[in-house]
Amino acid sequence: MPTKNNIEQAGRLSSPSGLKKIIDSVLRLGKAAGADETEVQLDETIDALTRFANNAIHQNVAEQGVTVSVRTVVDGRTARATTNRLDEDSLRRAVESSLELAHSQPKIAGLLSMPGRQHYRDVKRFSRETAGLSPEARARAVKRACDLAIRSGQVAAGIFSSGQSQLALGNSRGLLALHCQTHAEFSITLQDDPAASWAKANSGDVRRIDPQALARRASEKAKMAKDAQELAPGKYTVLLEPAAVLDLVGFLFYDFAATALDDQRSCLNQRMGKQLFGKNIEIVDDVYHPLQLGAPFDGEGMPRKRVPLVEKGIPKNLVYSRASARKAQKKPTGHGFALPNEYGEAPMNLVFGGGNSSVEKMVRSTDRGFLVTRVWYIREVDPYEKIMTGMTRDGLFLVEKGKVTTAVRNFRFNQSLIELLQNVQEMGPSIRTTGEEAFEMVVPAMKVTGFHFTEPTKF
């Protein structure tokens, strides 16, 4: 159990009063330099990482840093400059650089004034146990995972990281927003020559991560993955574990942005309000969900709202920044990115509705199909039909008559995400999931029919 001393050794984040003092200094310097408006964003992080390979720790690092990003507005023009120094001269140079850049930019028609003071719903995302996780505690967990690999005749590699971060946003119109959180992650790949498998978890509370359970799961799958058979390509029923679901559906998040629809670059153009996915598909953007991380405000300081995006398979709503909301005559939803930017907004806390099945139940209900651990190297082929190409990895298994029977050589796929979400037959409970291709979301495991595999891969 972490102690107070551990927390002190790991470092401490600045106090809210200390952050406000920096913000006040930048705003004062902005006014003195002649900016019409000034905004300042502070990002402070304390991160520690234990890396292991060949069944041994080979790196342990820790760092703490603060970044100050200054945006100024002058005569309808805006620009941003950044520094990692907190002394008065460095802050002044950042303000002056921002103003110099702003003067060189074209005027932005209809540039909105910065928002004033806002009210935010409280979210508690700071875990003392995570903040106080010591290098020794990470090392002990890694040693147990490596010992398991050695006993199994396997080779382990991966990382165990933990950290704290806080975000502060203020502007010359009186806005002040603060958010603090912790995060931890464990990832392991186990090699059982020539096969391998992988497991990973991410949480704000390290107590929700079980490195030993992840190592056991990867070890068992690596053993199962040996002697993989090469099968013919075609359309198969697939049982997608949560990481595989995440790294596929994660490519949808920009499509729910109002700016993307207005630019005609969303797969939802001409499809809003129509039956697009299966009736069992429910998607919300919800920063307040207990398994989520993130601040309750966006890059402009607007409060984030819970937005139902898809109800019974029908796209119902989009997310809006202040600018896109004004253009569409809607209310902003608190999903804008820090200005200036070309993307507008996006839902960053996606939650997919789940079901009451499980991967084990899905296996038992499947006559013939594939169990997919994860996917990787995903690229978009057709943005409107949302056809993605990629490959399976770290454990693809044949399911026959309700049982996992053998390992299968990995496949490349070409698959429409729209069709995928039309063909979901079963779902497990939604869980916080992390992968390698998309940011963390809350998604279930899915059983999907008609998944299109095009050719076996070379490994």
Protein backbone atom coordinates (compact mmCIF):
# COMPACT_ATOMS: atom_id res chain seq x y z
CA MET A 1 0.00 0.00 0.00
CA PRO A 2 1.46 3.41 -0.93
CA THR A 3 2.41 5.63 1.97
CA LYS A 4 2.62 9.37 2.43
CA ASN A 5 6.38 9.14 1.93
CA ASN A 6 5.87 7.37 -1.38
CA ILE A 7 3.62 10.19 -2.54
CA GLU A 8 6.24 12.73 -1.53
CA GLN A 9 8.94 10.75 -3.38
CA ALA A 10 6.76 10.61 -6.51
CA GLY A 11 6.42 14.39 -6.52
CA ARG A 12 3.56 16.76 -5.90
CA LEU A 13 1.45 18.72 -8.29
CA SER A 14 1.23 22.48 -7.85
CA SER A 15 -1.46 23.87 -5.61
CA PRO A 16 -4.55 25.46 -7.19
CA SER A 17 -3.41 28.80 -5.78
CA GLY A 18 -0.01 28.33 -7.43
CA LEU A 19 -1.64 27.65 -10.80
CA LYS A 20 -3.93 30.65 -10.43
CA LYS A 21 -0.92 32.84 -9.68
CA ILE A 22 0.68 31.82 -13.00
CA ILE A 23 -2.57 32.43 -14.85
CA ASP A 24 -2.95 35.86 -13.28
CA SER A 25 0.62 36.74 -14.28
CA VAL A 26 0.02 35.78 -17.92
CA LEU A 27 -3.27 37.70 -18.06
CA ARG A 28 -1.57 40.77 -16.60
CA LEU A 29 1.24 40.50 -19.17
CA GLY A 30 -1.28 40.06 -21.98
CA LYS A 31 -3.13 43.22 -20.99
CA ALA A 32 0.11 45.17 -20.72
CA ALA A 33 1.20 43.96 -24.19
CA GLY A 34 -2.02 45.22 -25.78
CA ALA A 35 -3.93 41.97 -26.36
CA ASP A 36 -7.69 42.41 -26.74
CA GLU A 37 -8.15 39.07 -24.96
CA THR A 38 -5.78 36.53 -23.42
CA GLU A 39 -6.23 32.87 -22.59
CA VAL A 40 -3.75 30.65 -20.76
CA GLN A 41 -3.73 26.87 -20.42
CA LEU A 42 -1.44 25.06 -17.99
CA ASP A 43 -0.70 21.34 -18.27
CA GLU A 44 1.27 19.79 -15.43
CA THR A 45 2.26 16.12 -15.38
CA ILE A 46 4.17 13.74 -13.15
CA ASP A 47 4.83 10.45 -14.97
CA ALA A 48 6.77 7.35 -14.00
CA LEU A 49 7.45 4.30 -16.15
CA THR A 50 8.90 0.85 -15.52
CA ARG A 51 9.79 -0.95 -18.77
CA PHE A 52 10.69 -4.62 -19.02
CA ALA A 53 11.85 -7.02 -21.74
CA ASN A 54 13.45 -10.50 -21.87
CA ASN A 55 11.92 -11.21 -18.44
CA ALA A 56 13.77 -8.38 -16.70
CA ILE A 57 13.34 -4.68 -15.95
CA HIS A 58 15.63 -2.61 -18.13
CA GLN A 59 14.36 0.94 -17.57
CA ASN A 60 12.80 3.00 -14.82
CA VAL A 61 12.20 6.69 -15.48
CA ALA A 62 10.22 9.55 -13.96
CA GLU A 63 9.65 13.12 -15.00
CA GLN A 64 7.68 16.17 -13.96
CA GLY A 65 6.91 19.12 -16.18
CA VAL A 66 4.65 22.09 -16.76
CA THR A 67 3.60 23.57 -20.10
CA VAL A 68 2.09 27.04 -20.40
CA SER A 69 0.15 27.74 -23.61
CA VAL A 70 -0.90 31.34 -24.29
CA ARG A 71 -3.53 32.42 -26.81
CA THR A 72 -4.03 36.08 -27.58
CA VAL A 73 -6.61 37.89 -29.68
CA VAL A 74 -5.99 41.19 -31.40
CA ASP A 75 -8.14 42.88 -34.05
CA GLY A 76 -10.04 39.67 -34.91
CA ARG A 77 -6.86 37.62 -35.22
CA THR A 78 -5.67 34.89 -32.86
CA ALA A 79 -2.60 32.71 -32.32
CA ARG A 80 -0.97 30.60 -29.64
CA ALA A 81 2.55 30.27 -28.23
CA THR A 82 3.92 27.83 -25.66
CA THR A 83 6.66 27.71 -23.05
CA ASN A 84 7.79 25.33 -20.32
CA ARG A 85 9.42 28.05 -18.23
CA LEU A 86 7.53 29.82 -15.46
CA ASP A 87 9.67 32.88 -14.74
CA GLU A 88 8.26 36.31 -15.58
CA ASP A 89 10.56 36.92 -18.58
CA SER A 90 9.66 33.56 -20.18
CA LEU A 91 5.94 34.15 -19.69
CA ARG A 92 6.31 37.63 -21.20
CA ARG A 93 8.12 36.19 -24.23
CA ALA A 94 5.31 33.66 -24.71
CA VAL A 95 2.72 36.44 -24.64
CA GLU A 96 4.74 38.56 -27.07
CA SER A 97 5.29 35.59 -29.41
CA SER A 98 1.58 34.84 -29.39
CA LEU A 99 0.77 38.47 -30.24
CA GLU A 100 3.40 38.60 -32.97
CA LEU A 101 1.95 35.46 -34.55
CA ALA A 102 -1.60 36.80 -34.21
CA HIS A 103 -0.69 40.02 -36.04
CA SER A 104 0.57 37.92 -38.96
CA GLN A 105 -2.63 35.88 -39.25
CA PRO A 106 -5.66 36.73 -41.41
CA LYS A 107 -8.76 38.01 -39.64
CA ILE A 108 -11.20 35.28 -38.65
CA ALA A 109 -14.70 36.23 -39.70
CA GLY A 110 -17.05 36.02 -36.75
CA LEU A 111 -14.36 35.08 -34.22
CA LEU A 112 -16.18 34.63 -30.92
CA SER A 113 -15.13 36.44 -27.79
CA MET A 114 -13.68 34.17 -25.15
CA PRO A 115 -16.31 32.72 -22.79
CA GLY A 116 -16.76 34.19 -19.34
CA ARG A 117 -17.00 32.41 -16.01
CA GLN A 118 -18.61 28.94 -16.14
CA HIS A 119 -19.92 26.42 -13.62
CA TYR A 120 -18.64 22.84 -13.72
CA ARG A 121 -19.94 19.57 -12.36
CA ASP A 122 -17.49 18.08 -9.88
CA VAL A 123 -15.63 14.91 -10.91
CA LYS A 124 -13.25 13.09 -8.54
CA ARG A 125 -10.49 11.38 -10.49
CA PHE A 126 -7.51 11.58 -8.18
CA SER A 127 -6.40 8.36 -6.46
CA ARG A 128 -3.85 8.63 -3.65
CA GLU A 129 -2.94 4.99 -4.26
CA THR A 130 -2.06 5.75 -7.88
CA ALA A 131 -0.25 8.98 -7.05
CA GLY A 132 1.77 7.17 -4.40
CA LEU A 133 2.67 4.09 -6.44
CA SER A 134 6.41 3.66 -5.89
CA PRO A 135 9.04 2.28 -8.28
CA GLU A 136 9.42 -0.65 -5.87
CA ALA A 137 5.70 -1.48 -6.09
CA ARG A 138 5.79 -1.39 -9.88
CA ALA A 139 8.95 -3.53 -9.86
CA ARG A 140 7.36 -6.16 -7.61
CA ALA A 141 4.36 -6.46 -9.92
CA VAL A 142 6.62 -6.73 -12.97
CA LYS A 143 8.78 -9.37 -11.25
CA ARG A 144 5.73 -11.54 -10.55
CA ALA A 145 4.69 -11.28 -14.19
CA CYS A 146 8.20 -12.16 -15.38
CA ASP A 147 8.42 -15.07 -12.93
CA LEU A 148 5.21 -16.44 -14.42
CA ALA A 149 6.72 -16.15 -17.90
CA ILE A 150 9.90 -17.96 -16.83
CA ARG A 151 7.91 -20.80 -15.26
CA SER A 152 5.94 -21.12 -18.50
CA GLY A 153 9.03 -21.06 -20.72
CA GLN A 154 7.97 -17.74 -22.20
CA VAL A 155 9.50 -14.28 -22.63
CA ALA A 156 7.73 -11.21 -21.21
CA ALA A 157 7.96 -7.58 -22.30
CA GLY A 158 5.88 -4.53 -21.51
CA ILE A 159 5.41 -1.50 -19.31
CA PHE A 160 3.89 -0.48 -15.98
CA SER A 161 3.30 3.27 -15.76
CA SER A 162 1.62 5.61 -13.33
CA GLY A 163 1.20 9.33 -13.02
CA GLN A 164 -0.70 12.44 -12.07
CA SER A 165 -1.79 15.37 -14.17
CA GLN A 166 -3.69 18.57 -13.86
CA LEU A 167 -5.11 21.08 -16.28
CA ALA A 168 -5.86 24.72 -15.58
CA LEU A 169 -7.54 27.13 -17.98
CA GLY A 170 -8.15 30.83 -17.47
CA ASN A 171 -8.86 33.88 -19.58
CA SER A 172 -9.19 37.64 -19.38
CA ARG A 173 -13.00 37.43 -19.25
CA GLY A 174 -12.95 35.75 -15.84
CA LEU A 175 -13.05 32.07 -16.78
CA LEU A 176 -11.15 29.74 -14.47
CA ALA A 177 -11.27 25.93 -14.76
CA LEU A 178 -9.19 23.36 -12.88
CA HIS A 179 -9.01 19.57 -13.15
CA CYS A 180 -6.71 17.01 -11.51
CA GLN A 181 -6.50 13.24 -12.09
CA THR A 182 -4.28 10.18 -11.83
CA HIS A 183 -3.67 7.39 -14.32
CA ALA A 184 -2.02 3.97 -14.43
CA GLU A 185 -1.41 1.42 -17.17
CA PHE A 186 -0.02 -2.11 -17.41
CA SER A 187 0.73 -3.75 -20.74
CA ILE A 188 2.37 -7.13 -21.34
CA THR A 189 3.30 -9.21 -24.38
CA LEU A 190 4.29 -12.84 -23.81
CA GLN A 191 6.30 -14.65 -26.46
CA ASP A 192 5.99 -18.43 -26.70
CA ASP A 193 8.10 -18.95 -29.79
CA PRO A 194 6.86 -18.52 -32.45
CA ALA A 195 3.52 -17.41 -30.97
CA ALA A 196 2.71 -14.41 -28.79
CA SER A 197 -0.19 -12.79 -27.00
CA TRP A 198 -0.93 -9.54 -25.25
CA ALA A 199 -3.03 -7.97 -22.49
CA LYS A 200 -3.40 -4.39 -21.31
CA ALA A 201 -5.40 -2.33 -18.82
CA ASN A 202 -5.69 1.37 -18.01
CA SER A 203 -7.39 3.12 -15.11
CA GLY A 204 -7.31 6.23 -12.98
CA ASP A 205 -7.14 3.95 -9.93
CA VAL A 206 -4.26 1.47 -9.94
CA ARG A 207 -6.27 -0.83 -7.65
CA ARG A 208 -8.50 -1.62 -10.63
CA ILE A 209 -5.53 -3.08 -12.53
CA ASP A 210 -4.45 -6.68 -11.83
CA PRO A 211 -1.05 -7.19 -13.51
CA GLN A 212 -0.95 -10.87 -12.53
CA ALA A 213 -4.33 -11.58 -14.09
CA LEU A 214 -3.26 -9.80 -17.28
CA ALA A 215 -0.02 -11.79 -17.37
CA ARG A 216 -1.88 -15.08 -16.87
CA ARG A 217 -4.33 -14.28 -19.66
CA ALA A 218 -1.54 -13.38 -22.08
CA SER A 219 0.43 -16.48 -21.08
CA GLU A 220 -2.49 -18.83 -21.63
CA LYS A 221 -3.26 -17.31 -25.02
CA ALA A 222 0.39 -17.45 -26.11
CA LYS A 223 0.39 -21.19 -25.39
CA MET A 224 -2.86 -21.63 -27.32
CA ALA A 225 -1.54 -19.58 -30.26
CA LYS A 226 1.18 -22.09 -31.19
CA ASP A 227 0.83 -24.27 -34.30
CA ALA A 228 -1.56 -21.83 -35.98
CA GLN A 229 -3.41 -23.13 -39.02
CA GLU A 230 -3.85 -21.15 -42.22
CA LEU A 231 -7.51 -20.97 -43.23
CA ALA A 232 -9.24 -19.59 -46.29
CA PRO A 233 -10.31 -15.93 -46.33
CA GLY A 234 -13.99 -15.06 -46.40
CA LYS A 235 -16.79 -13.78 -44.20
CA TYR A 236 -16.82 -15.22 -40.69
CA THR A 237 -18.61 -14.76 -37.41
CA VAL A 238 -16.16 -13.09 -35.04
CA LEU A 239 -16.07 -12.77 -31.28
CA LEU A 240 -14.30 -9.45 -30.73
CA GLU A 241 -12.76 -8.97 -27.31
CA PRO A 242 -13.13 -5.40 -25.94
CA ALA A 243 -9.69 -4.27 -27.16
CA ALA A 244 -10.56 -5.35 -30.71
CA VAL A 245 -13.91 -3.56 -30.50
CA LEU A 246 -12.25 -0.40 -29.20
CA ASP A 247 -9.61 -0.20 -31.91
CA LEU A 248 -12.27 -0.56 -34.62
CA VAL A 249 -15.15 1.62 -33.39
CA GLY A 250 -12.67 4.23 -32.13
CA PHE A 251 -12.39 5.43 -35.72
CA LEU A 252 -15.98 6.69 -35.57
CA PHE A 253 -15.46 9.44 -33.01
CA TYR A 254 -14.70 12.32 -35.43
CA ASP A 255 -17.82 11.50 -37.46
CA PHE A 256 -20.05 12.78 -34.64
CA ALA A 257 -18.52 16.28 -34.82
CA ALA A 258 -20.76 19.04 -36.20
CA THR A 259 -17.77 20.53 -38.04
CA ALA A 260 -17.12 17.20 -39.80
CA LEU A 261 -20.72 17.08 -41.02
CA ASP A 262 -20.59 20.69 -42.15
CA ASP A 263 -17.38 19.94 -44.07
CA GLN A 264 -19.04 16.88 -45.70
CA ARG A 265 -16.39 14.54 -44.29
CA SER A 266 -18.50 12.46 -41.91
CA CYS A 267 -20.00 9.04 -42.55
CA LEU A 268 -23.18 10.48 -40.97
CA ASN A 269 -23.83 12.99 -43.76
CA GLN A 270 -27.39 12.36 -45.05
CA ARG A 271 -27.78 9.65 -42.38
CA MET A 272 -28.73 11.55 -39.23
CA GLY A 273 -32.07 10.41 -37.85
CA LYS A 274 -32.10 7.26 -39.99
CA GLN A 275 -31.70 3.61 -39.02
CA LEU A 276 -27.97 3.16 -39.63
CA PHE A 277 -26.83 0.58 -37.09
CA GLY A 278 -28.52 -2.37 -35.41
CA LYS A 279 -31.31 -1.54 -32.96
CA ASN A 280 -29.13 -2.87 -30.13
CA ILE A 281 -26.50 -0.12 -30.62
CA GLU A 282 -26.49 2.71 -28.08
CA ILE A 283 -23.67 5.27 -27.94
CA VAL A 284 -23.29 8.27 -25.65
CA ASP A 285 -20.50 10.71 -24.98
CA ASP A 286 -20.31 10.93 -21.21
CA VAL A 287 -17.33 12.38 -19.39
CA TYR A 288 -19.17 11.77 -16.10
CA HIS A 289 -19.35 7.97 -16.52
CA PRO A 290 -17.55 6.37 -13.53
CA LEU A 291 -15.07 4.51 -15.77
CA GLN A 292 -14.01 7.60 -17.72
CA LEU A 293 -11.12 9.98 -17.24
CA GLY A 294 -10.85 13.57 -18.40
CA ALA A 295 -11.84 17.10 -17.45
CA PRO A 296 -15.47 18.27 -17.19
CA PHE A 297 -14.67 21.15 -19.57
CA ASP A 298 -13.41 21.44 -23.14
CA GLY A 299 -10.49 23.27 -24.74
CA GLU A 300 -12.40 26.58 -24.61
CA GLY A 301 -13.47 26.11 -20.99
CA MET A 302 -17.09 25.21 -21.75
CA PRO A 303 -18.75 22.60 -19.49
CA ARG A 304 -18.99 19.17 -21.11
CA LYS A 305 -22.49 17.77 -21.50
CA ARG A 306 -23.59 14.16 -21.68
CA VAL A 307 -24.72 13.69 -25.29
CA PRO A 308 -26.74 10.67 -26.52
CA LEU A 309 -25.23 10.11 -29.96
CA VAL A 310 -26.96 6.90 -31.11
CA GLU A 311 -30.26 5.54 -29.80
CA LYS A 312 -31.49 2.12 -30.95
CA GLY A 313 -29.11 2.29 -33.90
CA ILE A 314 -30.23 5.76 -35.05
CA PRO A 315 -27.72 8.67 -35.01
CA LYS A 316 -29.57 11.33 -33.03
CA ASN A 317 -27.14 14.05 -31.98
CA LEU A 318 -23.79 15.63 -32.70
CA VAL A 319 -21.31 17.43 -30.47
CA TYR A 320 -20.67 21.17 -30.89
CA SER A 321 -17.97 23.67 -30.15
CA ARG A 322 -19.06 27.27 -29.60
CA ALA A 323 -18.38 28.19 -33.25
CA SER A 324 -20.16 25.18 -34.79
CA ALA A 325 -23.08 25.64 -32.39
CA ARG A 326 -23.53 29.24 -33.46
CA LYS A 327 -23.40 28.24 -37.12
CA ALA A 328 -26.00 25.49 -36.62
CA GLN A 329 -28.09 27.59 -34.20
CA LYS A 330 -27.56 25.01 -31.47
CA LYS A 331 -26.18 25.16 -27.95
CA PRO A 332 -22.52 24.21 -27.47
CA THR A 333 -22.05 20.79 -25.86
CA GLY A 334 -18.57 21.41 -24.42
CA HIS A 335 -16.59 19.36 -26.94
CA GLY A 336 -14.49 22.06 -28.63
CA PHE A 337 -10.73 21.78 -29.00
CA ALA A 338 -8.38 24.54 -27.90
CA LEU A 339 -8.31 27.35 -30.45
CA PRO A 340 -7.06 27.87 -33.07
CA ASN A 341 -7.68 24.46 -34.65
CA GLU A 342 -9.04 23.05 -37.91
CA TYR A 343 -11.04 20.15 -36.47
CA GLY A 344 -13.61 21.97 -34.38
CA GLU A 345 -14.75 19.38 -31.86
CA ALA A 346 -15.18 15.67 -31.18
CA PRO A 347 -16.67 13.37 -28.53
CA MET A 348 -13.74 12.23 -26.36
CA ASN A 349 -15.58 10.07 -23.79
CA LEU A 350 -17.49 7.50 -25.82
CA VAL A 351 -19.54 4.89 -23.98
CA PHE A 352 -21.09 2.00 -25.93
CA GLY A 353 -24.06 0.26 -24.40
CA GLY A 354 -23.38 -3.38 -23.57
CA GLY A 355 -25.28 -6.57 -22.92
CA ASN A 356 -25.45 -9.47 -20.49
CA SER A 357 -23.39 -11.99 -22.44
CA SER A 358 -19.68 -12.77 -22.02
CA VAL A 359 -16.89 -13.98 -24.27
CA GLU A 360 -17.35 -17.47 -22.82
CA LYS A 361 -21.08 -17.43 -23.59
CA MET A 362 -20.37 -16.15 -27.09
CA VAL A 363 -17.98 -19.05 -27.67
CA ARG A 364 -20.60 -21.55 -26.51
CA SER A 365 -23.24 -20.05 -28.83
CA THR A 366 -20.99 -20.10 -31.91
CA ASP A 367 -21.01 -23.02 -34.34
CA ARG A 368 -18.05 -21.73 -36.34
CA GLY A 369 -16.13 -18.47 -36.11
CA PHE A 370 -13.04 -16.68 -34.83
CA LEU A 371 -12.11 -15.35 -31.41
CA VAL A 372 -10.16 -12.10 -31.96
CA THR A 373 -7.84 -10.79 -29.23
CA ARG A 374 -7.00 -7.49 -30.91
CA VAL A 375 -6.44 -5.73 -34.22
CA TRP A 376 -3.73 -3.34 -35.42
CA TYR A 377 -2.35 -1.26 -38.29
CA ILE A 378 -5.84 0.00 -39.11
CA ARG A 379 -6.30 2.44 -41.98
CA GLU A 380 -9.38 4.00 -43.54
CA VAL A 381 -10.23 2.78 -47.06
CA ASP A 382 -13.62 4.46 -47.62
CA PRO A 383 -14.47 7.36 -45.27
CA TYR A 384 -18.20 7.47 -46.09
CA GLU A 385 -18.91 3.75 -45.86
CA LYS A 386 -16.33 3.65 -43.06
CA ILE A 387 -14.47 0.69 -44.55
CA MET A 388 -11.33 -0.05 -42.56
CA THR A 389 -8.42 -2.33 -43.35
CA GLY A 390 -6.14 -3.86 -40.76
CA MET A 391 -4.88 -7.11 -39.30
CA THR A 392 -5.54 -9.38 -36.36
CA ARG A 393 -2.75 -9.86 -33.85
CA ASP A 394 -1.68 -11.61 -30.64
CA GLY A 395 -4.18 -14.43 -30.66
CA LEU A 396 -6.68 -15.46 -33.35
CA PHE A 397 -8.51 -18.70 -32.58
CA LEU A 398 -10.99 -20.94 -34.37
CA VAL A 399 -14.26 -21.62 -32.58
CA GLU A 400 -16.12 -24.79 -33.58
CA LYS A 401 -19.34 -26.13 -32.08
CA GLY A 402 -19.07 -23.96 -28.99
CA LYS A 403 -15.39 -24.55 -28.24
CA VAL A 404 -12.05 -22.91 -29.03
CA THR A 405 -10.28 -25.63 -31.04
CA THR A 406 -7.08 -24.25 -32.57
CA ALA A 407 -5.00 -21.19 -33.32
CA VAL A 408 -5.36 -19.55 -36.74
CA ARG A 409 -2.84 -17.66 -38.85
CA ASN A 410 -3.58 -13.94 -38.65
CA PHE A 411 -5.74 -12.31 -41.31
CA ARG A 412 -5.98 -8.95 -43.04
CA PHE A 413 -9.53 -7.60 -43.14
CA ASN A 414 -11.56 -5.04 -45.07
CA GLN A 415 -14.60 -4.24 -43.00
CA SER A 416 -17.22 -1.48 -42.93
CA LEU A 417 -17.80 -0.25 -39.38
CA ILE A 418 -21.37 0.58 -40.36
CA GLU A 419 -21.98 -3.04 -41.41
CA LEU A 420 -20.18 -4.28 -38.31
CA LEU A 421 -22.57 -2.34 -36.07
CA GLN A 422 -25.52 -3.65 -38.09
CA ASN A 423 -24.48 -7.25 -37.45
CA VAL A 424 -23.87 -7.35 -33.68
CA GLN A 425 -25.58 -10.46 -32.30
CA GLU A 426 -24.40 -10.45 -28.68
CA MET A 427 -22.57 -8.07 -26.34
CA GLY A 428 -20.87 -8.35 -23.00
CA PRO A 429 -20.92 -5.73 -20.23
CA SER A 430 -19.25 -2.44 -21.18
CA ILE A 431 -15.86 -1.95 -19.54
CA ARG A 432 -13.09 0.64 -19.66
CA THR A 433 -10.85 -0.62 -22.43
CA THR A 434 -7.46 0.33 -23.81
CA GLY A 435 -5.80 -0.74 -27.04
CA GLU A 436 -3.15 0.55 -29.41
CA GLU A 437 -5.09 2.26 -32.24
CA ALA A 438 -7.70 4.39 -30.39
CA PHE A 439 -7.91 6.25 -27.10
CA GLU A 440 -9.58 4.65 -24.09
CA MET A 441 -13.36 4.16 -24.21
CA VAL A 442 -16.04 2.15 -22.46
CA VAL A 443 -17.02 -0.71 -24.79
CA PRO A 444 -18.27 -4.30 -24.62
CA ALA A 445 -17.06 -7.49 -26.26
CA MET A 446 -19.15 -8.17 -29.38
CA LYS A 447 -20.23 -11.17 -31.42
CA VAL A 448 -20.52 -10.01 -35.05
CA THR A 449 -21.58 -11.92 -38.16
CA GLY A 450 -20.22 -11.47 -41.68
CA PHE A 451 -16.82 -10.00 -40.80
CA HIS A 452 -14.76 -9.84 -44.00
CA PHE A 453 -11.25 -11.37 -43.93
CA THR A 454 -9.40 -10.90 -47.21
CA GLU A 455 -6.10 -12.80 -46.89
CA PRO A 456 -3.81 -14.47 -44.36
CA THR A 457 -0.83 -12.41 -43.20
CA LYS A 458 2.82 -13.49 -43.37
CA PHE A 459 3.15 -14.14 -39.64
